């Protein structure tokens, strides 16, 4: 993922939690309205039967009518038949077990997905706020698997605990330093691989200085962005969040939040998503070329 100067990434439109055949059908029917498809992957059963396999579902659900393999196949078929209307894909792996259990499927499909963005997402570190009990995906094993897909962008974040009644909480400097350390020890910063940090809107709004330091450090070797997300009902200081977005610049921030929050932010994105997304299609190809050049330079 390389920077496209002047590209407003906040205008990219998202379909979130596309974890069933019906939802995927709806998104692929809305050819002009959705730019990026986000979906969750767990180890579970197809229609409640047979052996466990990677299926599209969000915990605690472990039953789906859609497998990861079929999900990727249908998106590839759509993109092949709809030039200029292609969908980007964000794959959110909910455990290290399902990620490692998906490697053969990813091996088969990701090389065929050049030409549109593919993100591999996991929460690899414990994050804000206290009493958060979600178990992070093992960072070392996750990065080891991701080394096979250097043309894909890494979307790597922290587990979070937030809601309507929260006001105090931030991505601490220690948590940001731990993220940088994990990238360093796993040699991600030597690959030139694209990185985006998914950060929860209500917490990110309180964390401007720490996030700026993290992104600046990573940008020394890898192109990095923020992806701001939010759950429905989360408390968000809208003014602070708007300040964060404009502090980074709209060419460095993706925005995947409920419509109500997007409207409150008033970033002037009405009707601009499709044209913005088209300008990113060079991004996958150029990212692959940048990785290939980086690999060649390391060998000479």
C-alpha atoms as a PDB file:
ATOM      1  CA  UNK A   1       0.000   0.000   0.000  1.00  0.00           C
ATOM      2  CA  UNK A   2       1.730   3.173  -1.111  1.00  0.00           C
ATOM      3  CA  UNK A   3       0.634   6.671  -0.416  1.00  0.00           C
ATOM      4  CA  UNK A   4      -1.458   8.283  -3.102  1.00  0.00           C
ATOM      5  CA  UNK A   5      -1.007  12.013  -2.517  1.00  0.00           C
ATOM      6  CA  UNK A   6      -4.289  13.861  -2.478  1.00  0.00           C
ATOM      7  CA  UNK A   7      -6.364  10.684  -2.024  1.00  0.00           C
ATOM      8  CA  UNK A   8      -9.054  11.091   0.636  1.00  0.00           C
ATOM      9  CA  UNK A   9      -9.060   7.688   2.339  1.00  0.00           C
ATOM     10  CA  UNK A  10     -11.879   8.696   4.690  1.00  0.00           C
ATOM     11  CA  UNK A  11     -14.200   8.649   1.658  1.00  0.00           C
ATOM     12  CA  UNK A  12     -13.719   4.894   1.131  1.00  0.00           C
ATOM     13  CA  UNK A  13     -17.011   3.099   1.866  1.00  0.00           C
ATOM     14  CA  UNK A  14     -17.214  -0.114   3.896  1.00  0.00           C
ATOM     15  CA  UNK A  15     -19.455  -3.110   4.350  1.00  0.00           C
ATOM     16  CA  UNK A  16     -18.772  -4.444   7.841  1.00  0.00           C
ATOM     17  CA  UNK A  17     -19.145  -8.019   9.166  1.00  0.00           C
ATOM     18  CA  UNK A  18     -20.140  -9.568   5.823  1.00  0.00           C
ATOM     19  CA  UNK A  19     -20.341 -13.006   7.425  1.00  0.00           C
ATOM     20  CA  UNK A  20     -23.160 -14.737   5.546  1.00  0.00           C
ATOM     21  CA  UNK A  21     -24.083 -15.600   1.990  1.00  0.00           C
ATOM     22  CA  UNK A  22     -27.043 -13.221   2.113  1.00  0.00           C
ATOM     23  CA  UNK A  23     -24.896 -10.292   3.228  1.00  0.00           C
ATOM     24  CA  UNK A  24     -22.251 -11.056   0.607  1.00  0.00           C
ATOM     25  CA  UNK A  25     -24.918 -11.240  -2.100  1.00  0.00           C
ATOM     26  CA  UNK A  26     -26.271  -7.854  -0.997  1.00  0.00           C
ATOM     27  CA  UNK A  27     -22.838  -6.218  -1.061  1.00  0.00           C
ATOM     28  CA  UNK A  28     -21.941  -7.627  -4.466  1.00  0.00           C
ATOM     29  CA  UNK A  29     -25.267  -6.410  -5.820  1.00  0.00           C
ATOM     30  CA  UNK A  30     -24.535  -2.854  -4.667  1.00  0.00           C
ATOM     31  CA  UNK A  31     -21.804  -2.490  -7.267  1.00  0.00           C
ATOM     32  CA  UNK A  32     -21.353   1.244  -6.945  1.00  0.00           C
ATOM     33  CA  UNK A  33     -21.945   1.790  -3.217  1.00  0.00           C
ATOM     34  CA  UNK A  34     -19.349  -0.285  -1.375  1.00  0.00           C
ATOM     35  CA  UNK A  35     -15.588  -0.125  -1.870  1.00  0.00           C
ATOM     36  CA  UNK A  36     -14.263  -2.442   0.856  1.00  0.00           C
ATOM     37  CA  UNK A  37     -15.698  -5.685   2.260  1.00  0.00           C
ATOM     38  CA  UNK A  38     -14.744  -6.528   5.848  1.00  0.00           C
ATOM     39  CA  UNK A  39     -15.510  -9.969   7.251  1.00  0.00           C
ATOM     40  CA  UNK A  40     -14.576 -12.113  10.257  1.00  0.00           C
ATOM     41  CA  UNK A  41     -13.124 -15.620  10.222  1.00  0.00           C
ATOM     42  CA  UNK A  42     -13.424 -18.267  12.947  1.00  0.00           C
ATOM     43  CA  UNK A  43     -12.913 -21.994  13.156  1.00  0.00           C
ATOM     44  CA  UNK A  44     -16.424 -23.418  12.931  1.00  0.00           C
ATOM     45  CA  UNK A  45     -18.838 -25.553  10.987  1.00  0.00           C
ATOM     46  CA  UNK A  46     -20.515 -24.973   7.667  1.00  0.00           C
ATOM     47  CA  UNK A  47     -24.270 -25.034   8.356  1.00  0.00           C
ATOM     48  CA  UNK A  48     -23.535 -26.694  11.702  1.00  0.00           C
ATOM     49  CA  UNK A  49     -22.267 -29.906  10.142  1.00  0.00           C
ATOM     50  CA  UNK A  50     -18.973 -31.661   9.461  1.00  0.00           C
ATOM     51  CA  UNK A  51     -15.471 -30.852  10.602  1.00  0.00           C
ATOM     52  CA  UNK A  52     -14.267 -27.482  11.804  1.00  0.00           C
ATOM     53  CA  UNK A  53     -12.956 -25.229   9.060  1.00  0.00           C
ATOM     54  CA  UNK A  54     -12.433 -21.495   8.470  1.00  0.00           C
ATOM     55  CA  UNK A  55     -15.920 -19.970   8.155  1.00  0.00           C
ATOM     56  CA  UNK A  56     -17.242 -16.425   8.115  1.00  0.00           C
ATOM     57  CA  UNK A  57     -18.605 -15.551  11.568  1.00  0.00           C
ATOM     58  CA  UNK A  58     -17.942 -13.278  14.533  1.00  0.00           C
ATOM     59  CA  UNK A  59     -17.440 -14.793  18.003  1.00  0.00           C
ATOM     60  CA  UNK A  60     -19.215 -16.230  19.806  1.00  0.00           C
ATOM     61  CA  UNK A  61     -20.841 -17.608  16.620  1.00  0.00           C
ATOM     62  CA  UNK A  62     -19.096 -20.675  15.170  1.00  0.00           C
ATOM     63  CA  UNK A  63     -21.669 -21.697  12.538  1.00  0.00           C
ATOM     64  CA  UNK A  64     -21.975 -20.073   9.116  1.00  0.00           C
ATOM     65  CA  UNK A  65     -23.368 -20.756   5.680  1.00  0.00           C
ATOM     66  CA  UNK A  66     -20.206 -19.327   4.083  1.00  0.00           C
ATOM     67  CA  UNK A  67     -16.655 -20.670   4.167  1.00  0.00           C
ATOM     68  CA  UNK A  68     -13.556 -18.522   3.769  1.00  0.00           C
ATOM     69  CA  UNK A  69     -12.691 -20.331   0.546  1.00  0.00           C
ATOM     70  CA  UNK A  70     -16.102 -19.626  -0.981  1.00  0.00           C
ATOM     71  CA  UNK A  71     -16.079 -16.039   0.273  1.00  0.00           C
ATOM     72  CA  UNK A  72     -12.783 -15.321  -1.494  1.00  0.00           C
ATOM     73  CA  UNK A  73     -13.826 -17.165  -4.645  1.00  0.00           C
ATOM     74  CA  UNK A  74     -17.033 -15.150  -5.018  1.00  0.00           C
ATOM     75  CA  UNK A  75     -15.233 -11.832  -4.540  1.00  0.00           C
ATOM     76  CA  UNK A  76     -12.556 -12.791  -7.077  1.00  0.00           C
ATOM     77  CA  UNK A  77     -15.242 -13.774  -9.578  1.00  0.00           C
ATOM     78  CA  UNK A  78     -17.066 -10.497  -9.029  1.00  0.00           C
ATOM     79  CA  UNK A  79     -13.914  -8.422  -9.419  1.00  0.00           C
ATOM     80  CA  UNK A  80     -12.936 -10.321 -12.556  1.00  0.00           C
ATOM     81  CA  UNK A  81     -16.306  -9.561 -14.143  1.00  0.00           C
ATOM     82  CA  UNK A  82     -16.706  -5.941 -12.956  1.00  0.00           C
ATOM     83  CA  UNK A  83     -13.705  -3.957 -14.073  1.00  0.00           C
ATOM     84  CA  UNK A  84     -13.734  -0.540 -12.431  1.00  0.00           C
ATOM     85  CA  UNK A  85     -16.105  -1.719  -9.677  1.00  0.00           C
ATOM     86  CA  UNK A  86     -13.737  -4.055  -7.837  1.00  0.00           C
ATOM     87  CA  UNK A  87     -14.053  -4.541  -4.077  1.00  0.00           C
ATOM     88  CA  UNK A  88     -11.185  -4.479  -1.623  1.00  0.00           C
ATOM     89  CA  UNK A  89     -11.116  -7.187   1.069  1.00  0.00           C
ATOM     90  CA  UNK A  90     -10.279  -7.034   4.766  1.00  0.00           C
ATOM     91  CA  UNK A  91      -9.986 -10.451   6.446  1.00  0.00           C
ATOM     92  CA  UNK A  92     -10.314 -10.256  10.250  1.00  0.00           C
ATOM     93  CA  UNK A  93      -8.883 -13.412  11.856  1.00  0.00           C
ATOM     94  CA  UNK A  94     -10.231 -13.954  15.351  1.00  0.00           C
ATOM     95  CA  UNK A  95      -7.643 -16.467  16.615  1.00  0.00           C
ATOM     96  CA  UNK A  96      -4.210 -17.727  15.707  1.00  0.00           C
ATOM     97  CA  UNK A  97      -5.727 -21.173  15.192  1.00  0.00           C
ATOM     98  CA  UNK A  98      -8.094 -20.020  12.449  1.00  0.00           C
ATOM     99  CA  UNK A  99      -5.371 -17.939  10.813  1.00  0.00           C
ATOM    100  CA  UNK A 100      -2.950 -20.861  10.640  1.00  0.00           C
ATOM    101  CA  UNK A 101      -5.814 -23.113   9.560  1.00  0.00           C
ATOM    102  CA  UNK A 102      -6.479 -20.718   6.662  1.00  0.00           C
ATOM    103  CA  UNK A 103      -2.951 -20.576   5.246  1.00  0.00           C
ATOM    104  CA  UNK A 104      -3.558 -23.155   2.514  1.00  0.00           C
ATOM    105  CA  UNK A 105      -6.680 -21.242   1.419  1.00  0.00           C
ATOM    106  CA  UNK A 106      -4.794 -17.948   1.412  1.00  0.00           C
ATOM    107  CA  UNK A 107      -1.891 -19.557  -0.480  1.00  0.00           C
ATOM    108  CA  UNK A 108      -4.297 -20.580  -3.197  1.00  0.00           C
ATOM    109  CA  UNK A 109      -6.202 -17.286  -3.453  1.00  0.00           C
ATOM    110  CA  UNK A 110      -4.087 -14.268  -2.538  1.00  0.00           C
ATOM    111  CA  UNK A 111      -1.686 -14.568  -5.515  1.00  0.00           C
ATOM    112  CA  UNK A 112      -4.749 -14.238  -7.775  1.00  0.00           C
ATOM    113  CA  UNK A 113      -6.002 -11.117  -5.984  1.00  0.00           C
ATOM    114  CA  UNK A 114      -3.416  -8.656  -7.323  1.00  0.00           C
ATOM    115  CA  UNK A 115      -5.047  -5.489  -8.622  1.00  0.00           C
ATOM    116  CA  UNK A 116      -7.224  -4.634  -5.638  1.00  0.00           C
ATOM    117  CA  UNK A 117      -6.446  -4.177  -1.930  1.00  0.00           C
ATOM    118  CA  UNK A 118      -6.274  -7.227   0.345  1.00  0.00           C
ATOM    119  CA  UNK A 119      -5.808  -6.676   4.085  1.00  0.00           C
ATOM    120  CA  UNK A 120      -5.000  -9.334   6.681  1.00  0.00           C
ATOM    121  CA  UNK A 121      -6.235  -8.191  10.101  1.00  0.00           C
ATOM    122  CA  UNK A 122      -5.702  -9.369  13.667  1.00  0.00           C
ATOM    123  CA  UNK A 123      -5.610  -7.862  17.146  1.00  0.00           C
ATOM    124  CA  UNK A 124      -2.123  -8.952  18.181  1.00  0.00           C
ATOM    125  CA  UNK A 125      -1.651  -7.064  21.473  1.00  0.00           C
ATOM    126  CA  UNK A 126      -3.700  -6.357  24.586  1.00  0.00           C
ATOM    127  CA  UNK A 127      -4.859  -2.751  24.595  1.00  0.00           C
ATOM    128  CA  UNK A 128      -7.113  -0.301  26.397  1.00  0.00           C
ATOM    129  CA  UNK A 129      -9.066  -0.283  28.675  1.00  0.00           C
ATOM    130  CA  UNK A 130      -8.757  -2.239  31.966  1.00  0.00           C
ATOM    131  CA  UNK A 131     -10.641  -5.519  32.463  1.00  0.00           C
ATOM    132  CA  UNK A 132     -10.360  -6.303  28.770  1.00  0.00           C
ATOM    133  CA  UNK A 133     -10.470 -10.127  28.586  1.00  0.00           C
ATOM    134  CA  UNK A 134     -10.176 -10.688  24.835  1.00  0.00           C
ATOM    135  CA  UNK A 135      -7.174 -12.897  24.038  1.00  0.00           C
ATOM    136  CA  UNK A 136      -4.902 -11.357  21.377  1.00  0.00           C
ATOM    137  CA  UNK A 137      -3.803 -13.321  18.333  1.00  0.00           C
ATOM    138  CA  UNK A 138      -0.236 -14.592  18.840  1.00  0.00           C
ATOM    139  CA  UNK A 139       1.867 -11.899  17.159  1.00  0.00           C
ATOM    140  CA  UNK A 140       4.946 -13.985  16.358  1.00  0.00           C
ATOM    141  CA  UNK A 141       2.953 -16.780  14.711  1.00  0.00           C
ATOM    142  CA  UNK A 142       0.723 -14.280  12.897  1.00  0.00           C
ATOM    143  CA  UNK A 143       3.650 -12.400  11.384  1.00  0.00           C
ATOM    144  CA  UNK A 144       5.373 -15.661  10.445  1.00  0.00           C
ATOM    145  CA  UNK A 145       2.330 -16.634   8.385  1.00  0.00           C
ATOM    146  CA  UNK A 146       1.925 -13.164   6.883  1.00  0.00           C
ATOM    147  CA  UNK A 147       5.456 -13.279   5.477  1.00  0.00           C
ATOM    148  CA  UNK A 148       3.959 -15.447   2.727  1.00  0.00           C
ATOM    149  CA  UNK A 149       1.723 -12.591   1.536  1.00  0.00           C
ATOM    150  CA  UNK A 150       3.908  -9.510   1.227  1.00  0.00           C
ATOM    151  CA  UNK A 151       1.630  -8.112  -1.484  1.00  0.00           C
ATOM    152  CA  UNK A 152      -1.156  -7.869   1.126  1.00  0.00           C
ATOM    153  CA  UNK A 153      -1.431  -5.065   3.670  1.00  0.00           C
ATOM    154  CA  UNK A 154      -1.138  -5.883   7.364  1.00  0.00           C
ATOM    155  CA  UNK A 155      -3.938  -4.507   9.551  1.00  0.00           C
ATOM    156  CA  UNK A 156      -2.685  -4.971  13.105  1.00  0.00           C
ATOM    157  CA  UNK A 157      -4.262  -3.657  16.250  1.00  0.00           C
ATOM    158  CA  UNK A 158      -4.950  -4.038  19.949  1.00  0.00           C
ATOM    159  CA  UNK A 159      -7.816  -5.683  21.810  1.00  0.00           C
ATOM    160  CA  UNK A 160     -10.086  -3.008  23.315  1.00  0.00           C
ATOM    161  CA  UNK A 161     -12.760  -2.492  25.943  1.00  0.00           C
ATOM    162  CA  UNK A 162     -15.025   0.523  25.323  1.00  0.00           C
ATOM    163  CA  UNK A 163     -18.667   1.534  25.150  1.00  0.00           C
ATOM    164  CA  UNK A 164     -21.251   4.209  25.779  1.00  0.00           C
ATOM    165  CA  UNK A 165     -20.252   4.816  29.408  1.00  0.00           C
ATOM    166  CA  UNK A 166     -16.503   5.145  28.823  1.00  0.00           C
ATOM    167  CA  UNK A 167     -14.731   8.498  28.776  1.00  0.00           C
ATOM    168  CA  UNK A 168     -11.168   7.849  29.959  1.00  0.00           C
ATOM    169  CA  UNK A 169      -8.863   5.555  28.043  1.00  0.00           C
ATOM    170  CA  UNK A 170      -6.047   5.814  25.550  1.00  0.00           C
ATOM    171  CA  UNK A 171      -3.541   3.866  23.518  1.00  0.00           C
ATOM    172  CA  UNK A 172      -0.691   4.368  25.962  1.00  0.00           C
ATOM    173  CA  UNK A 173       2.898   5.039  24.944  1.00  0.00           C
ATOM    174  CA  UNK A 174       3.829   1.610  26.332  1.00  0.00           C
ATOM    175  CA  UNK A 175       1.187  -0.058  24.137  1.00  0.00           C
ATOM    176  CA  UNK A 176       2.395   1.813  21.053  1.00  0.00           C
ATOM    177  CA  UNK A 177       6.004   0.954  21.891  1.00  0.00           C
ATOM    178  CA  UNK A 178       5.016  -2.715  22.240  1.00  0.00           C
ATOM    179  CA  UNK A 179       3.487  -2.598  18.759  1.00  0.00           C
ATOM    180  CA  UNK A 180       6.671  -1.112  17.302  1.00  0.00           C
ATOM    181  CA  UNK A 181       8.771  -3.709  19.132  1.00  0.00           C
ATOM    182  CA  UNK A 182       6.637  -6.550  17.773  1.00  0.00           C
ATOM    183  CA  UNK A 183       7.044  -5.237  14.225  1.00  0.00           C
ATOM    184  CA  UNK A 184      10.784  -4.936  14.738  1.00  0.00           C
ATOM    185  CA  UNK A 185      11.528  -8.346  16.248  1.00  0.00           C
ATOM    186  CA  UNK A 186       9.411 -10.061  13.585  1.00  0.00           C
ATOM    187  CA  UNK A 187      11.326  -8.294  10.775  1.00  0.00           C
ATOM    188  CA  UNK A 188       8.199  -6.635   9.382  1.00  0.00           C
ATOM    189  CA  UNK A 189      10.003  -3.304   9.158  1.00  0.00           C
ATOM    190  CA  UNK A 190      12.543  -4.819   6.759  1.00  0.00           C
ATOM    191  CA  UNK A 191       9.945  -5.918   4.203  1.00  0.00           C
ATOM    192  CA  UNK A 192       8.472  -2.604   3.063  1.00  0.00           C
ATOM    193  CA  UNK A 193       5.062  -4.218   3.605  1.00  0.00           C
ATOM    194  CA  UNK A 194       2.063  -1.892   3.911  1.00  0.00           C
ATOM    195  CA  UNK A 195       0.668  -1.492   7.430  1.00  0.00           C
ATOM    196  CA  UNK A 196      -2.526   0.029   8.785  1.00  0.00           C
ATOM    197  CA  UNK A 197      -3.307   0.326  12.478  1.00  0.00           C
ATOM    198  CA  UNK A 198      -7.014  -0.198  13.301  1.00  0.00           C
ATOM    199  CA  UNK A 199      -7.840   2.053  16.256  1.00  0.00           C
ATOM    200  CA  UNK A 200     -11.142   2.436  18.054  1.00  0.00           C
ATOM    201  CA  UNK A 201     -12.557   5.906  17.527  1.00  0.00           C
ATOM    202  CA  UNK A 202     -13.383   6.807  21.139  1.00  0.00           C
ATOM    203  CA  UNK A 203      -9.943   5.716  22.350  1.00  0.00           C
ATOM    204  CA  UNK A 204      -7.981   7.075  19.403  1.00  0.00           C
ATOM    205  CA  UNK A 205      -9.458  10.531  20.002  1.00  0.00           C
ATOM    206  CA  UNK A 206      -7.615  10.533  23.355  1.00  0.00           C
ATOM    207  CA  UNK A 207      -4.329   9.252  21.911  1.00  0.00           C
ATOM    208  CA  UNK A 208      -3.136  11.709  19.308  1.00  0.00           C
ATOM    209  CA  UNK A 209       0.478  12.132  20.424  1.00  0.00           C
ATOM    210  CA  UNK A 210       1.152   8.415  20.893  1.00  0.00           C
ATOM    211  CA  UNK A 211      -0.365   7.456  17.542  1.00  0.00           C
ATOM    212  CA  UNK A 212       1.576  10.176  15.735  1.00  0.00           C
ATOM    213  CA  UNK A 213       4.827   8.846  17.213  1.00  0.00           C
ATOM    214  CA  UNK A 214       4.000   5.270  16.220  1.00  0.00           C
ATOM    215  CA  UNK A 215       3.071   6.083  12.630  1.00  0.00           C
ATOM    216  CA  UNK A 216       6.093   8.369  12.230  1.00  0.00           C
ATOM    217  CA  UNK A 217       8.422   5.606  13.424  1.00  0.00           C
ATOM    218  CA  UNK A 218       6.913   2.988  11.108  1.00  0.00           C
ATOM    219  CA  UNK A 219       6.900   5.385   8.151  1.00  0.00           C
ATOM    220  CA  UNK A 220      10.686   5.412   8.230  1.00  0.00           C
ATOM    221  CA  UNK A 221      10.600   1.979   6.555  1.00  0.00           C
ATOM    222  CA  UNK A 222       6.995   1.032   5.738  1.00  0.00           C
ATOM    223  CA  UNK A 223       4.041   3.048   4.468  1.00  0.00           C
ATOM    224  CA  UNK A 224       1.503   3.141   7.316  1.00  0.00           C
ATOM    225  CA  UNK A 225      -1.975   4.533   7.927  1.00  0.00           C
ATOM    226  CA  UNK A 226      -4.681   4.507  10.582  1.00  0.00           C
ATOM    227  CA  UNK A 227      -8.047   2.789  10.176  1.00  0.00           C
ATOM    228  CA  UNK A 228     -10.516   4.350  12.606  1.00  0.00           C
ATOM    229  CA  UNK A 229     -13.400   2.067  13.564  1.00  0.00           C
ATOM    230  CA  UNK A 230     -16.207   2.217  16.085  1.00  0.00           C
ATOM    231  CA  UNK A 231     -18.968   0.031  17.439  1.00  0.00           C
ATOM    232  CA  UNK A 232     -22.534   1.328  17.482  1.00  0.00           C
ATOM    233  CA  UNK A 233     -23.162   3.120  20.761  1.00  0.00           C
ATOM    234  CA  UNK A 234     -19.508   3.860  21.564  1.00  0.00           C
ATOM    235  CA  UNK A 235     -18.862   7.205  23.170  1.00  0.00           C
ATOM    236  CA  UNK A 236     -16.691   9.368  20.884  1.00  0.00           C
ATOM    237  CA  UNK A 237     -15.463  12.919  21.427  1.00  0.00           C
ATOM    238  CA  UNK A 238     -16.258  14.047  17.896  1.00  0.00           C
ATOM    239  CA  UNK A 239     -14.223  17.247  18.026  1.00  0.00           C
ATOM    240  CA  UNK A 240     -11.111  15.430  19.229  1.00  0.00           C
ATOM    241  CA  UNK A 241     -11.560  12.705  16.628  1.00  0.00           C
ATOM    242  CA  UNK A 242     -11.910  15.269  13.851  1.00  0.00           C
ATOM    243  CA  UNK A 243      -8.728  16.924  15.118  1.00  0.00           C
ATOM    244  CA  UNK A 244      -6.939  13.555  14.989  1.00  0.00           C
ATOM    245  CA  UNK A 245      -8.083  12.891  11.421  1.00  0.00           C
ATOM    246  CA  UNK A 246      -7.012  16.273  10.111  1.00  0.00           C
ATOM    247  CA  UNK A 247      -3.792  16.090  12.128  1.00  0.00           C
ATOM    248  CA  UNK A 248      -2.778  12.998  10.178  1.00  0.00           C
ATOM    249  CA  UNK A 249      -4.450  14.139   6.966  1.00  0.00           C
ATOM    250  CA  UNK A 250      -7.309  12.434   5.147  1.00  0.00           C
ATOM    251  CA  UNK A 251      -4.784  10.722   2.856  1.00  0.00           C
ATOM    252  CA  UNK A 252      -3.500   8.779   5.908  1.00  0.00           C
ATOM    253  CA  UNK A 253      -6.765   7.759   7.620  1.00  0.00           C
ATOM    254  CA  UNK A 254      -9.411   5.204   6.659  1.00  0.00           C
ATOM    255  CA  UNK A 255     -12.781   5.624   8.361  1.00  0.00           C
ATOM    256  CA  UNK A 256     -14.970   2.591   9.103  1.00  0.00           C
ATOM    257  CA  UNK A 257     -17.565   3.909  11.546  1.00  0.00           C
ATOM    258  CA  UNK A 258     -21.364   3.923  11.889  1.00  0.00           C
ATOM    259  CA  UNK A 259     -23.167   6.352   9.601  1.00  0.00           C
ATOM    260  CA  UNK A 260     -24.272   8.541  12.513  1.00  0.00           C
ATOM    261  CA  UNK A 261     -20.676   9.156  13.620  1.00  0.00           C
ATOM    262  CA  UNK A 262     -19.489   9.750  10.066  1.00  0.00           C
ATOM    263  CA  UNK A 263     -22.234  12.360   9.675  1.00  0.00           C
ATOM    264  CA  UNK A 264     -21.240  14.069  12.927  1.00  0.00           C
ATOM    265  CA  UNK A 265     -17.618  14.253  11.765  1.00  0.00           C
ATOM    266  CA  UNK A 266     -18.821  16.079   8.630  1.00  0.00           C
ATOM    267  CA  UNK A 267     -15.696  15.427   6.546  1.00  0.00           C
ATOM    268  CA  UNK A 268     -17.382  16.385   3.289  1.00  0.00           C
ATOM    269  CA  UNK A 269     -17.237  12.905   1.750  1.00  0.00           C
ATOM    270  CA  UNK A 270     -20.732  12.630   0.273  1.00  0.00           C
ATOM    271  CA  UNK A 271     -20.554  10.955  -3.113  1.00  0.00           C
ATOM    272  CA  UNK A 272     -16.755  10.851  -3.308  1.00  0.00           C
ATOM    273  CA  UNK A 273     -16.024   7.265  -2.312  1.00  0.00           C
ATOM    274  CA  UNK A 274     -16.116   5.547  -5.698  1.00  0.00           C
ATOM    275  CA  UNK A 275     -13.796   7.979  -7.443  1.00  0.00           C
ATOM    276  CA  UNK A 276     -11.409   7.927  -4.479  1.00  0.00           C
ATOM    277  CA  UNK A 277     -11.300   4.143  -4.433  1.00  0.00           C
ATOM    278  CA  UNK A 278     -10.535   3.917  -8.141  1.00  0.00           C
ATOM    279  CA  UNK A 279      -7.387   5.933  -7.565  1.00  0.00           C
ATOM    280  CA  UNK A 280      -6.230   3.264  -5.093  1.00  0.00           C
ATOM    281  CA  UNK A 281      -6.192   0.421  -7.591  1.00  0.00           C
ATOM    282  CA  UNK A 282      -2.656   1.267  -8.553  1.00  0.00           C
ATOM    283  CA  UNK A 283      -1.876   0.823  -4.884  1.00  0.00           C
ATOM    284  CA  UNK A 284      -1.870  -2.969  -4.859  1.00  0.00           C
ATOM    285  CA  UNK A 285       0.289  -3.224  -7.956  1.00  0.00           C
ATOM    286  CA  UNK A 286       2.714  -0.525  -6.842  1.00  0.00           C
ATOM    287  CA  UNK A 287       2.889  -2.043  -3.364  1.00  0.00           C
ATOM    288  CA  UNK A 288       3.856  -5.378  -4.903  1.00  0.00           C
ATOM    289  CA  UNK A 289       6.508  -3.695  -7.038  1.00  0.00           C
ATOM    290  CA  UNK A 290       7.854  -1.855  -3.983  1.00  0.00           C
ATOM    291  CA  UNK A 291       8.107  -5.130  -2.053  1.00  0.00           C
ATOM    292  CA  UNK A 292       9.870  -6.809  -4.970  1.00  0.00           C
ATOM    293  CA  UNK A 293      12.350  -3.939  -5.231  1.00  0.00           C
ATOM    294  CA  UNK A 294      12.985  -4.042  -1.469  1.00  0.00           C
ATOM    295  CA  UNK A 295      13.612  -7.794  -1.619  1.00  0.00           C
ATOM    296  CA  UNK A 296      16.008  -7.384  -4.550  1.00  0.00           C
ATOM    297  CA  UNK A 297      17.971  -4.631  -2.796  1.00  0.00           C
ATOM    298  CA  UNK A 298      18.379  -6.838   0.282  1.00  0.00           C
ATOM    299  CA  UNK A 299      19.983  -9.548  -1.855  1.00  0.00           C
ATOM    300  CA  UNK A 300      22.632  -7.369  -3.503  1.00  0.00           C
END
